[in-house]
Amino acid sequence: MGKPLILPVCLGVAILAGLGVWALWPSDEPVIAVPDRVCGGALPGGPVGDLLPERGKGFEEELVGSSSPGSISPVWKCRVLGGGQSVYLAYSPILDPADYGPEDITRDARKPGNVPLSWGTNKGYVEGKTVSLFVGCENSDGGDVLLEVSATVNRGERNLTDATTRGKAVALAADTARFAAPRVEVCKPGTLPETAPEIG
């Protein structure tokens, strides 16, 4: 009565072994080669590459606005793609605090599901799969201006719930803010922290 079970058991072991070998087999998809600099040379490629898959459809970049230090655009958008996923970076000035100011940032950071960010005297929050940082600046007349900097990670998830991925996205938003804030004509920021924003 026990002998008929030998073949199914042996077959099951063989299938599992085959699946293990298949999982270790090198992928046919090419390695995604992220350049050393991305977004028109504005940012290092490493932190962006850390948020994309290692393999899949090749790297692409879409840039709206100039990243040249001498002619940086007031409004700037950069999308990098690879392996069917993307990272979208953007910044734009908020010229009137009445449109959106510190109280609005605090309110939105406290909304259910959002995660507050603190970066020196600057604030922000994570909402869904987007990190938003707001850098306080002065315009040429000495008036208060905010520079909104965002990083959105499109990896199939609705939210940046993975702590490692969220931390990388927050750090990338800070890298983008360090690049943009001193170069945007309407923004004269204070000294920005060299460390990543505090989460929570």
N, C-alpha and C. Protein backbone atom coordinates (compact mmCIF):
# COMPACT_ATOMS: atom_id res chain seq x y z
N MET A 1 0.82 -1.21 0.00
CA MET A 1 0.00 0.00 0.00
C MET A 1 0.85 1.26 0.00
N GLY A 2 2.08 1.18 0.59
CA GLY A 2 2.93 2.36 0.69
C GLY A 2 3.71 2.65 -0.58
N LYS A 3 3.92 1.71 -1.46
CA LYS A 3 4.78 1.90 -2.62
C LYS A 3 4.27 2.94 -3.61
N PRO A 4 2.98 3.02 -3.90
CA PRO A 4 2.51 4.01 -4.87
C PRO A 4 2.84 5.45 -4.51
N LEU A 5 3.15 5.75 -3.23
CA LEU A 5 3.46 7.11 -2.80
C LEU A 5 4.87 7.53 -3.18
N ILE A 6 5.73 6.57 -3.52
CA ILE A 6 7.13 6.88 -3.78
C ILE A 6 7.27 7.80 -4.99
N LEU A 7 6.55 7.49 -6.08
CA LEU A 7 6.67 8.28 -7.32
C LEU A 7 6.21 9.72 -7.11
N PRO A 8 5.02 9.96 -6.52
CA PRO A 8 4.61 11.36 -6.31
C PRO A 8 5.58 12.14 -5.43
N VAL A 9 6.11 11.48 -4.37
CA VAL A 9 7.04 12.17 -3.48
C VAL A 9 8.31 12.54 -4.23
N CYS A 10 8.86 11.57 -4.99
CA CYS A 10 10.08 11.83 -5.77
C CYS A 10 9.84 12.92 -6.81
N LEU A 11 8.65 12.88 -7.44
CA LEU A 11 8.33 13.88 -8.45
C LEU A 11 8.25 15.27 -7.81
N GLY A 12 7.64 15.33 -6.60
CA GLY A 12 7.54 16.62 -5.90
C GLY A 12 8.90 17.18 -5.55
N VAL A 13 9.81 16.33 -5.09
CA VAL A 13 11.16 16.77 -4.75
C VAL A 13 11.88 17.29 -5.99
N ALA A 14 11.70 16.58 -7.12
CA ALA A 14 12.35 17.00 -8.36
C ALA A 14 11.84 18.35 -8.83
N ILE A 15 10.52 18.57 -8.69
CA ILE A 15 9.93 19.85 -9.11
C ILE A 15 10.47 20.99 -8.25
N LEU A 16 10.52 20.77 -6.92
CA LEU A 16 11.04 21.80 -6.02
C LEU A 16 12.50 22.12 -6.31
N ALA A 17 13.28 21.07 -6.58
CA ALA A 17 14.69 21.28 -6.91
C ALA A 17 14.83 22.08 -8.20
N GLY A 18 13.97 21.75 -9.18
CA GLY A 18 14.00 22.48 -10.45
C GLY A 18 13.65 23.93 -10.27
N LEU A 19 12.65 24.21 -9.43
CA LEU A 19 12.27 25.60 -9.16
C LEU A 19 13.39 26.36 -8.48
N GLY A 20 14.10 25.68 -7.58
CA GLY A 20 15.23 26.33 -6.90
C GLY A 20 16.33 26.71 -7.88
N VAL A 21 16.64 25.82 -8.80
CA VAL A 21 17.66 26.12 -9.81
C VAL A 21 17.20 27.25 -10.71
N TRP A 22 15.90 27.24 -11.08
CA TRP A 22 15.37 28.30 -11.95
C TRP A 22 15.46 29.66 -11.27
N ALA A 23 15.18 29.70 -9.97
CA ALA A 23 15.22 30.97 -9.24
C ALA A 23 16.63 31.54 -9.19
N LEU A 24 17.64 30.64 -9.19
CA LEU A 24 19.03 31.10 -9.14
C LEU A 24 19.60 31.38 -10.52
N TRP A 25 18.89 31.01 -11.56
CA TRP A 25 19.38 31.21 -12.92
C TRP A 25 19.42 32.69 -13.25
N PRO A 26 20.46 33.16 -13.92
CA PRO A 26 20.54 34.59 -14.23
C PRO A 26 19.35 35.07 -15.05
N SER A 27 18.82 36.25 -14.72
CA SER A 27 17.68 36.81 -15.44
C SER A 27 18.09 37.18 -16.86
N ASP A 28 17.14 37.01 -17.80
CA ASP A 28 17.38 37.41 -19.19
C ASP A 28 17.30 38.92 -19.35
N GLU A 29 16.69 39.61 -18.38
CA GLU A 29 16.54 41.05 -18.49
C GLU A 29 17.87 41.75 -18.23
N PRO A 30 18.15 42.82 -18.97
CA PRO A 30 19.43 43.51 -18.79
C PRO A 30 19.49 44.30 -17.48
N VAL A 31 20.71 44.50 -17.00
CA VAL A 31 20.92 45.36 -15.83
C VAL A 31 20.63 46.80 -16.24
N ILE A 32 19.92 47.53 -15.39
CA ILE A 32 19.59 48.93 -15.67
C ILE A 32 20.80 49.79 -15.34
N ALA A 33 21.34 50.44 -16.36
CA ALA A 33 22.53 51.28 -16.18
C ALA A 33 22.10 52.71 -15.91
N VAL A 34 22.11 53.10 -14.63
CA VAL A 34 21.77 54.47 -14.25
C VAL A 34 23.03 55.33 -14.36
N PRO A 35 22.99 56.46 -15.07
CA PRO A 35 24.18 57.31 -15.21
C PRO A 35 24.67 57.85 -13.87
N ASP A 36 25.92 58.30 -13.86
CA ASP A 36 26.48 58.89 -12.64
C ASP A 36 25.73 60.15 -12.21
N ARG A 37 25.22 60.91 -13.20
CA ARG A 37 24.43 62.11 -12.92
C ARG A 37 23.11 62.00 -13.68
N VAL A 38 22.03 62.44 -13.06
CA VAL A 38 20.72 62.37 -13.69
C VAL A 38 20.05 63.74 -13.63
N CYS A 39 18.91 63.84 -14.30
CA CYS A 39 18.13 65.08 -14.33
C CYS A 39 18.95 66.25 -14.85
N GLY A 40 19.51 66.05 -16.04
CA GLY A 40 20.31 67.11 -16.64
C GLY A 40 21.59 67.41 -15.89
N GLY A 41 22.09 66.41 -15.15
CA GLY A 41 23.32 66.59 -14.37
C GLY A 41 23.09 67.19 -13.01
N ALA A 42 21.84 67.38 -12.61
CA ALA A 42 21.54 68.04 -11.35
C ALA A 42 21.85 67.18 -10.13
N LEU A 43 21.63 65.87 -10.24
CA LEU A 43 21.68 65.00 -9.06
C LEU A 43 22.53 63.76 -9.33
N PRO A 44 23.14 63.21 -8.27
CA PRO A 44 23.87 61.95 -8.45
C PRO A 44 22.91 60.81 -8.78
N GLY A 45 23.36 59.91 -9.63
CA GLY A 45 22.49 58.83 -10.08
C GLY A 45 22.28 57.73 -9.06
N GLY A 46 23.25 57.55 -8.14
CA GLY A 46 23.16 56.44 -7.19
C GLY A 46 21.88 56.41 -6.38
N PRO A 47 21.50 57.50 -5.69
CA PRO A 47 20.27 57.48 -4.90
C PRO A 47 19.01 57.24 -5.72
N VAL A 48 19.01 57.70 -6.97
CA VAL A 48 17.88 57.43 -7.85
C VAL A 48 17.86 55.95 -8.23
N GLY A 49 19.03 55.41 -8.60
CA GLY A 49 19.12 54.00 -8.95
C GLY A 49 18.70 53.08 -7.82
N ASP A 50 18.92 53.50 -6.57
CA ASP A 50 18.53 52.70 -5.42
C ASP A 50 17.01 52.52 -5.31
N LEU A 51 16.27 53.40 -5.98
CA LEU A 51 14.81 53.32 -5.92
C LEU A 51 14.21 52.67 -7.16
N LEU A 52 15.06 52.22 -8.09
CA LEU A 52 14.61 51.53 -9.29
C LEU A 52 15.02 50.06 -9.22
N PRO A 53 14.39 49.18 -9.99
CA PRO A 53 14.81 47.78 -10.02
C PRO A 53 16.23 47.65 -10.56
N GLU A 54 16.89 46.53 -10.24
CA GLU A 54 18.24 46.29 -10.76
C GLU A 54 18.21 45.91 -12.23
N ARG A 55 17.13 45.22 -12.64
CA ARG A 55 17.05 44.73 -14.01
C ARG A 55 15.70 45.10 -14.63
N GLY A 56 15.68 45.13 -15.96
CA GLY A 56 14.44 45.40 -16.67
C GLY A 56 14.67 46.36 -17.81
N LYS A 57 13.59 46.98 -18.26
CA LYS A 57 13.68 47.94 -19.36
C LYS A 57 14.65 49.05 -19.01
N GLY A 58 15.45 49.49 -19.99
CA GLY A 58 16.55 50.40 -19.76
C GLY A 58 16.16 51.75 -19.19
N PHE A 59 17.17 52.47 -18.74
CA PHE A 59 17.01 53.77 -18.10
C PHE A 59 16.54 54.82 -19.10
N GLU A 60 15.61 55.64 -18.67
CA GLU A 60 15.16 56.79 -19.45
C GLU A 60 15.02 57.99 -18.52
N GLU A 61 15.09 59.17 -19.10
CA GLU A 61 14.97 60.41 -18.33
C GLU A 61 14.13 61.42 -19.10
N GLU A 62 13.21 62.04 -18.39
CA GLU A 62 12.38 63.10 -18.97
C GLU A 62 12.54 64.34 -18.11
N LEU A 63 12.98 65.44 -18.70
CA LEU A 63 13.28 66.66 -17.94
C LEU A 63 12.51 67.83 -18.51
N VAL A 64 11.82 68.56 -17.64
CA VAL A 64 11.15 69.80 -18.00
C VAL A 64 11.80 70.92 -17.20
N GLY A 65 12.41 71.88 -17.89
CA GLY A 65 13.12 72.95 -17.21
C GLY A 65 14.62 72.74 -17.30
N SER A 66 15.36 73.77 -17.02
CA SER A 66 16.82 73.73 -17.12
C SER A 66 17.46 73.42 -15.78
N SER A 67 18.52 72.60 -15.82
CA SER A 67 19.29 72.29 -14.62
C SER A 67 20.64 73.01 -14.63
N SER A 68 20.87 73.86 -15.61
CA SER A 68 22.13 74.59 -15.69
C SER A 68 22.23 75.59 -14.53
N PRO A 69 23.37 75.62 -13.81
CA PRO A 69 23.49 76.55 -12.69
C PRO A 69 23.24 78.00 -13.07
N GLY A 70 23.53 78.36 -14.32
CA GLY A 70 23.34 79.74 -14.75
C GLY A 70 21.94 80.04 -15.24
N SER A 71 21.13 78.99 -15.48
CA SER A 71 19.80 79.25 -16.03
C SER A 71 18.79 78.24 -15.49
N ILE A 72 18.83 77.98 -14.20
CA ILE A 72 17.92 77.02 -13.61
C ILE A 72 16.49 77.56 -13.67
N SER A 73 15.55 76.70 -13.96
CA SER A 73 14.17 77.12 -14.15
C SER A 73 13.46 77.28 -12.81
N PRO A 74 12.56 78.27 -12.70
CA PRO A 74 11.80 78.42 -11.46
C PRO A 74 10.93 77.20 -11.17
N VAL A 75 10.39 76.59 -12.23
CA VAL A 75 9.61 75.36 -12.09
C VAL A 75 10.35 74.26 -12.84
N TRP A 76 10.53 73.13 -12.21
CA TRP A 76 11.41 72.08 -12.75
C TRP A 76 10.81 70.73 -12.42
N LYS A 77 10.83 69.80 -13.39
CA LYS A 77 10.30 68.46 -13.19
C LYS A 77 11.23 67.46 -13.86
N CYS A 78 11.50 66.36 -13.19
CA CYS A 78 12.36 65.33 -13.76
C CYS A 78 11.78 63.97 -13.41
N ARG A 79 11.62 63.13 -14.44
CA ARG A 79 11.16 61.76 -14.23
C ARG A 79 12.19 60.81 -14.77
N VAL A 80 12.64 59.89 -13.94
CA VAL A 80 13.58 58.86 -14.36
C VAL A 80 12.85 57.52 -14.32
N LEU A 81 13.10 56.69 -15.33
CA LEU A 81 12.39 55.43 -15.46
C LEU A 81 13.37 54.29 -15.66
N GLY A 82 12.98 53.12 -15.18
CA GLY A 82 13.77 51.92 -15.40
C GLY A 82 13.02 50.71 -14.88
N GLY A 83 13.03 49.63 -15.66
CA GLY A 83 12.38 48.40 -15.21
C GLY A 83 10.89 48.53 -15.00
N GLY A 84 10.24 49.44 -15.72
CA GLY A 84 8.80 49.60 -15.56
C GLY A 84 8.40 50.41 -14.35
N GLN A 85 9.36 50.99 -13.64
CA GLN A 85 9.09 51.81 -12.48
C GLN A 85 9.70 53.19 -12.69
N SER A 86 9.31 54.14 -11.85
CA SER A 86 9.82 55.49 -12.05
C SER A 86 9.95 56.25 -10.75
N VAL A 87 10.79 57.29 -10.80
CA VAL A 87 10.93 58.25 -9.70
C VAL A 87 10.72 59.63 -10.31
N TYR A 88 9.81 60.38 -9.71
CA TYR A 88 9.45 61.70 -10.24
C TYR A 88 9.88 62.76 -9.22
N LEU A 89 10.70 63.70 -9.66
CA LEU A 89 11.21 64.77 -8.80
C LEU A 89 10.73 66.11 -9.34
N ALA A 90 10.41 67.03 -8.44
CA ALA A 90 9.94 68.34 -8.89
C ALA A 90 10.17 69.37 -7.80
N TYR A 91 10.26 70.62 -8.23
CA TYR A 91 10.22 71.73 -7.27
C TYR A 91 9.53 72.91 -7.92
N SER A 92 8.91 73.73 -7.09
CA SER A 92 8.29 74.97 -7.56
C SER A 92 8.12 75.90 -6.38
N PRO A 93 8.26 77.20 -6.61
CA PRO A 93 8.12 78.17 -5.52
C PRO A 93 6.66 78.47 -5.21
N ILE A 94 6.37 78.66 -3.93
CA ILE A 94 5.07 79.16 -3.48
C ILE A 94 5.32 80.61 -3.05
N LEU A 95 4.92 81.53 -3.89
CA LEU A 95 5.32 82.93 -3.71
C LEU A 95 4.50 83.66 -2.66
N ASP A 96 3.30 83.19 -2.37
CA ASP A 96 2.45 83.86 -1.40
C ASP A 96 2.12 82.91 -0.25
N PRO A 97 2.59 83.20 0.97
CA PRO A 97 2.29 82.31 2.10
C PRO A 97 0.80 82.13 2.35
N ALA A 98 -0.01 83.07 1.85
CA ALA A 98 -1.46 82.92 2.02
C ALA A 98 -1.99 81.75 1.20
N ASP A 99 -1.27 81.39 0.12
CA ASP A 99 -1.68 80.25 -0.70
C ASP A 99 -1.40 78.93 0.01
N TYR A 100 -0.27 78.86 0.67
CA TYR A 100 0.12 77.66 1.40
C TYR A 100 1.30 78.03 2.29
N GLY A 101 1.10 77.91 3.59
CA GLY A 101 2.13 78.34 4.53
C GLY A 101 2.40 77.32 5.61
N PRO A 102 3.17 77.71 6.65
CA PRO A 102 3.55 76.77 7.71
C PRO A 102 2.37 76.08 8.39
N GLU A 103 1.27 76.80 8.61
CA GLU A 103 0.12 76.18 9.26
C GLU A 103 -0.49 75.10 8.37
N ASP A 104 -0.49 75.35 7.07
CA ASP A 104 -1.01 74.34 6.13
C ASP A 104 -0.14 73.08 6.13
N ILE A 105 1.19 73.29 6.19
CA ILE A 105 2.11 72.15 6.22
C ILE A 105 1.87 71.31 7.47
N THR A 106 1.76 71.98 8.62
CA THR A 106 1.52 71.27 9.88
C THR A 106 0.21 70.50 9.83
N ARG A 107 -0.83 71.14 9.29
CA ARG A 107 -2.15 70.48 9.18
C ARG A 107 -2.06 69.23 8.32
N ASP A 108 -1.42 69.35 7.14
CA ASP A 108 -1.35 68.22 6.23
C ASP A 108 -0.45 67.10 6.76
N ALA A 109 0.61 67.48 7.49
CA ALA A 109 1.50 66.47 8.07
C ALA A 109 0.80 65.63 9.11
N ARG A 110 -0.25 66.19 9.73
CA ARG A 110 -0.98 65.48 10.79
C ARG A 110 -2.17 64.68 10.28
N LYS A 111 -2.43 64.75 8.99
CA LYS A 111 -3.56 64.00 8.45
C LYS A 111 -3.35 62.50 8.63
N PRO A 112 -4.41 61.74 8.86
CA PRO A 112 -4.28 60.29 9.03
C PRO A 112 -3.55 59.64 7.85
N GLY A 113 -2.57 58.83 8.16
CA GLY A 113 -1.81 58.13 7.12
C GLY A 113 -0.57 58.87 6.68
N ASN A 114 -0.50 60.18 6.92
CA ASN A 114 0.69 60.95 6.55
C ASN A 114 1.76 60.85 7.63
N VAL A 115 3.01 61.03 7.23
CA VAL A 115 4.14 60.95 8.16
C VAL A 115 4.88 62.29 8.15
N PRO A 116 4.98 62.98 9.30
CA PRO A 116 5.64 64.29 9.33
C PRO A 116 7.14 64.18 9.12
N LEU A 117 7.72 65.23 8.55
CA LEU A 117 9.16 65.34 8.35
C LEU A 117 9.64 66.65 8.98
N SER A 118 10.84 66.60 9.53
CA SER A 118 11.47 67.79 10.10
C SER A 118 12.89 67.86 9.57
N TRP A 119 13.25 69.03 9.03
CA TRP A 119 14.57 69.19 8.40
C TRP A 119 15.13 70.55 8.78
N GLY A 120 15.80 70.61 9.93
CA GLY A 120 16.22 71.90 10.46
C GLY A 120 14.98 72.72 10.78
N THR A 121 14.90 73.93 10.24
CA THR A 121 13.70 74.76 10.44
C THR A 121 12.63 74.47 9.39
N ASN A 122 12.90 73.57 8.47
CA ASN A 122 11.97 73.25 7.39
C ASN A 122 11.14 72.02 7.74
N LYS A 123 9.95 71.97 7.19
CA LYS A 123 9.03 70.88 7.49
C LYS A 123 8.57 70.21 6.20
N GLY A 124 7.87 69.10 6.39
CA GLY A 124 7.30 68.40 5.25
C GLY A 124 6.54 67.19 5.73
N TYR A 125 6.22 66.31 4.80
CA TYR A 125 5.50 65.09 5.16
C TYR A 125 5.57 64.09 4.01
N VAL A 126 5.30 62.84 4.36
CA VAL A 126 5.14 61.78 3.37
C VAL A 126 3.65 61.51 3.26
N GLU A 127 3.13 61.59 2.05
CA GLU A 127 1.72 61.32 1.80
C GLU A 127 1.63 60.30 0.67
N GLY A 128 1.15 59.10 0.99
CA GLY A 128 1.10 58.05 -0.03
C GLY A 128 2.49 57.67 -0.48
N LYS A 129 2.77 57.84 -1.76
CA LYS A 129 4.10 57.51 -2.29
C LYS A 129 4.91 58.76 -2.62
N THR A 130 4.49 59.91 -2.07
CA THR A 130 5.16 61.17 -2.35
C THR A 130 5.73 61.79 -1.09
N VAL A 131 6.98 62.23 -1.19
CA VAL A 131 7.64 63.00 -0.14
C VAL A 131 7.58 64.47 -0.53
N SER A 132 7.11 65.32 0.37
CA SER A 132 7.05 66.77 0.12
C SER A 132 7.84 67.50 1.20
N LEU A 133 8.81 68.30 0.75
CA LEU A 133 9.59 69.15 1.65
C LEU A 133 9.32 70.60 1.29
N PHE A 134 9.26 71.46 2.30
CA PHE A 134 9.01 72.88 2.08
C PHE A 134 10.14 73.68 2.70
N VAL A 135 10.93 74.31 1.84
CA VAL A 135 12.11 75.05 2.28
C VAL A 135 11.75 76.53 2.38
N GLY A 136 11.98 77.12 3.55
CA GLY A 136 11.72 78.53 3.75
C GLY A 136 12.80 79.39 3.10
N CYS A 137 12.39 80.40 2.31
CA CYS A 137 13.32 81.27 1.59
C CYS A 137 12.86 82.72 1.73
N GLU A 138 13.71 83.60 1.24
CA GLU A 138 13.33 85.00 1.07
C GLU A 138 13.43 85.34 -0.41
N ASN A 139 12.51 86.20 -0.88
CA ASN A 139 12.64 86.68 -2.25
C ASN A 139 13.55 87.90 -2.28
N SER A 140 13.72 88.49 -3.43
CA SER A 140 14.66 89.61 -3.57
C SER A 140 14.23 90.83 -2.77
N ASP A 141 12.94 90.91 -2.40
CA ASP A 141 12.45 92.03 -1.59
C ASP A 141 12.46 91.73 -0.10
N GLY A 142 12.95 90.54 0.26
CA GLY A 142 12.98 90.16 1.67
C GLY A 142 11.70 89.53 2.17
N GLY A 143 10.75 89.27 1.27
CA GLY A 143 9.51 88.62 1.66
C GLY A 143 9.66 87.11 1.79
N ASP A 144 8.76 86.49 2.54
CA ASP A 144 8.81 85.05 2.75
C ASP A 144 8.30 84.29 1.54
N VAL A 145 9.05 83.25 1.18
CA VAL A 145 8.70 82.37 0.07
C VAL A 145 8.94 80.93 0.52
N LEU A 146 8.17 80.01 0.03
CA LEU A 146 8.42 78.58 0.25
C LEU A 146 8.81 77.94 -1.07
N LEU A 147 9.77 77.05 -1.01
CA LEU A 147 10.10 76.23 -2.17
C LEU A 147 9.62 74.82 -1.86
N GLU A 148 8.66 74.35 -2.65
CA GLU A 148 8.16 72.99 -2.48
C GLU A 148 8.98 72.03 -3.32
N VAL A 149 9.52 71.01 -2.69
CA VAL A 149 10.32 69.98 -3.36
C VAL A 149 9.67 68.63 -3.09
N SER A 150 9.48 67.84 -4.15
CA SER A 150 8.81 66.56 -3.97
C SER A 150 9.54 65.44 -4.68
N ALA A 151 9.38 64.25 -4.12
CA ALA A 151 9.91 63.02 -4.73
C ALA A 151 8.81 61.97 -4.65
N THR A 152 8.41 61.44 -5.81
CA THR A 152 7.36 60.43 -5.87
C THR A 152 7.95 59.14 -6.44
N VAL A 153 7.75 58.05 -5.72
CA VAL A 153 8.29 56.74 -6.12
C VAL A 153 7.14 55.87 -6.61
N ASN A 154 7.16 55.53 -7.89
CA ASN A 154 6.10 54.71 -8.49
C ASN A 154 6.62 53.28 -8.67
N ARG A 155 6.35 52.45 -7.68
CA ARG A 155 6.82 51.06 -7.71
C ARG A 155 5.68 50.07 -7.58
N GLY A 156 4.46 50.53 -7.81
CA GLY A 156 3.32 49.63 -7.71
C GLY A 156 2.59 49.72 -6.39
N GLU A 157 3.26 50.22 -5.33
CA GLU A 157 2.61 50.36 -4.04
C GLU A 157 1.87 51.69 -3.98
N ARG A 158 0.79 51.72 -3.21
CA ARG A 158 0.04 52.97 -3.05
C ARG A 158 0.73 53.90 -2.05
N ASN A 159 1.47 53.31 -1.12
CA ASN A 159 2.12 54.10 -0.07
C ASN A 159 3.56 53.66 0.12
N LEU A 160 4.38 54.59 0.63
CA LEU A 160 5.76 54.25 0.97
C LEU A 160 5.79 53.67 2.38
N THR A 161 5.30 52.44 2.51
CA THR A 161 5.21 51.82 3.83
C THR A 161 6.52 51.16 4.23
N ASP A 162 7.32 50.72 3.26
CA ASP A 162 8.60 50.09 3.58
C ASP A 162 9.55 51.16 4.11
N ALA A 163 10.07 50.96 5.32
CA ALA A 163 10.87 52.00 5.98
C ALA A 163 12.14 52.32 5.20
N THR A 164 12.77 51.31 4.61
CA THR A 164 14.01 51.54 3.86
C THR A 164 13.74 52.38 2.61
N THR A 165 12.71 52.00 1.85
CA THR A 165 12.35 52.74 0.65
C THR A 165 11.94 54.17 1.00
N ARG A 166 11.15 54.32 2.05
CA ARG A 166 10.72 55.65 2.46
C ARG A 166 11.91 56.51 2.85
N GLY A 167 12.85 55.93 3.59
CA GLY A 167 14.05 56.68 3.98
C GLY A 167 14.86 57.14 2.79
N LYS A 168 14.99 56.28 1.78
CA LYS A 168 15.73 56.64 0.57
C LYS A 168 15.02 57.75 -0.20
N ALA A 169 13.69 57.68 -0.26
CA ALA A 169 12.92 58.71 -0.97
C ALA A 169 13.02 60.05 -0.25
N VAL A 170 12.98 60.04 1.07
CA VAL A 170 13.10 61.27 1.86
C VAL A 170 14.49 61.88 1.66
N ALA A 171 15.53 61.05 1.68
CA ALA A 171 16.89 61.54 1.46
C ALA A 171 17.04 62.12 0.06
N LEU A 172 16.40 61.50 -0.94
CA LEU A 172 16.48 62.01 -2.31
C LEU A 172 15.78 63.36 -2.43
N ALA A 173 14.66 63.53 -1.76
CA ALA A 173 13.98 64.83 -1.76
C ALA A 173 14.89 65.90 -1.17
N ALA A 174 15.62 65.55 -0.11
CA ALA A 174 16.55 66.50 0.50
C ALA A 174 17.71 66.84 -0.45
N ASP A 175 18.22 65.83 -1.17
CA ASP A 175 19.27 66.08 -2.18
C ASP A 175 18.77 67.07 -3.23
N THR A 176 17.52 66.87 -3.66
CA THR A 176 16.94 67.75 -4.67
C THR A 176 16.79 69.17 -4.13
N ALA A 177 16.38 69.29 -2.87
CA ALA A 177 16.23 70.61 -2.25
C ALA A 177 17.58 71.32 -2.12
N ARG A 178 18.62 70.57 -1.77
CA ARG A 178 19.96 71.18 -1.67
C ARG A 178 20.44 71.69 -3.02
N PHE A 179 20.09 70.98 -4.07
CA PHE A 179 20.46 71.44 -5.41
C PHE A 179 19.66 72.67 -5.80
N ALA A 180 18.35 72.61 -5.59
CA ALA A 180 17.47 73.64 -6.15
C ALA A 180 17.47 74.95 -5.36
N ALA A 181 17.35 74.86 -4.04
CA ALA A 181 17.09 76.07 -3.25
C ALA A 181 18.10 77.19 -3.46
N PRO A 182 19.41 76.91 -3.48
CA PRO A 182 20.35 78.01 -3.66
C PRO A 182 20.38 78.58 -5.08
N ARG A 183 19.73 77.89 -6.02
CA ARG A 183 19.84 78.27 -7.43
C ARG A 183 18.59 78.94 -8.00
N VAL A 184 17.46 78.76 -7.35
CA VAL A 184 16.23 79.36 -7.84
C VAL A 184 16.25 80.85 -7.49
N GLU A 185 16.02 81.67 -8.48
CA GLU A 185 16.21 83.12 -8.32
C GLU A 185 15.35 83.71 -7.21
N VAL A 186 14.12 83.21 -7.05
CA VAL A 186 13.22 83.80 -6.06
C VAL A 186 13.42 83.24 -4.66
N CYS A 187 14.41 82.36 -4.48
CA CYS A 187 14.59 81.69 -3.20
C CYS A 187 15.99 81.95 -2.66
N LYS A 188 16.07 82.59 -1.50
CA LYS A 188 17.34 82.76 -0.79
C LYS A 188 17.22 82.04 0.55
N PRO A 189 17.58 80.75 0.58
CA PRO A 189 17.36 79.97 1.79
C PRO A 189 18.47 80.19 2.81
N GLY A 190 18.19 79.78 4.04
CA GLY A 190 19.25 79.68 5.03
C GLY A 190 20.08 78.44 4.75
N THR A 191 20.98 78.12 5.66
CA THR A 191 21.81 76.93 5.50
C THR A 191 20.95 75.68 5.66
N LEU A 192 21.03 74.81 4.68
CA LEU A 192 20.24 73.58 4.73
C LEU A 192 21.06 72.47 5.39
N PRO A 193 20.43 71.62 6.18
CA PRO A 193 21.14 70.53 6.85
C PRO A 193 21.80 69.58 5.84
N GLU A 194 22.93 69.03 6.21
CA GLU A 194 23.61 68.05 5.36
C GLU A 194 23.04 66.67 5.55
N THR A 195 22.33 66.46 6.64
CA THR A 195 21.73 65.15 6.91
C THR A 195 20.33 65.08 6.30
N ALA A 196 19.79 63.87 6.26
CA ALA A 196 18.43 63.67 5.75
C ALA A 196 17.42 64.16 6.78
N PRO A 197 16.22 64.50 6.34
CA PRO A 197 15.15 64.92 7.28
C PRO A 197 14.81 63.82 8.28
N GLU A 198 14.36 64.25 9.46
CA GLU A 198 13.89 63.31 10.47
C GLU A 198 12.47 62.90 10.12
N ILE A 199 12.21 61.60 10.23
CA ILE A 199 10.91 61.03 9.87
C ILE A 199 10.11 60.74 11.11
N GLY A 200 8.88 61.25 11.15
CA GLY A 200 7.98 60.95 12.27
C GLY A 200 7.94 62.05 13.31
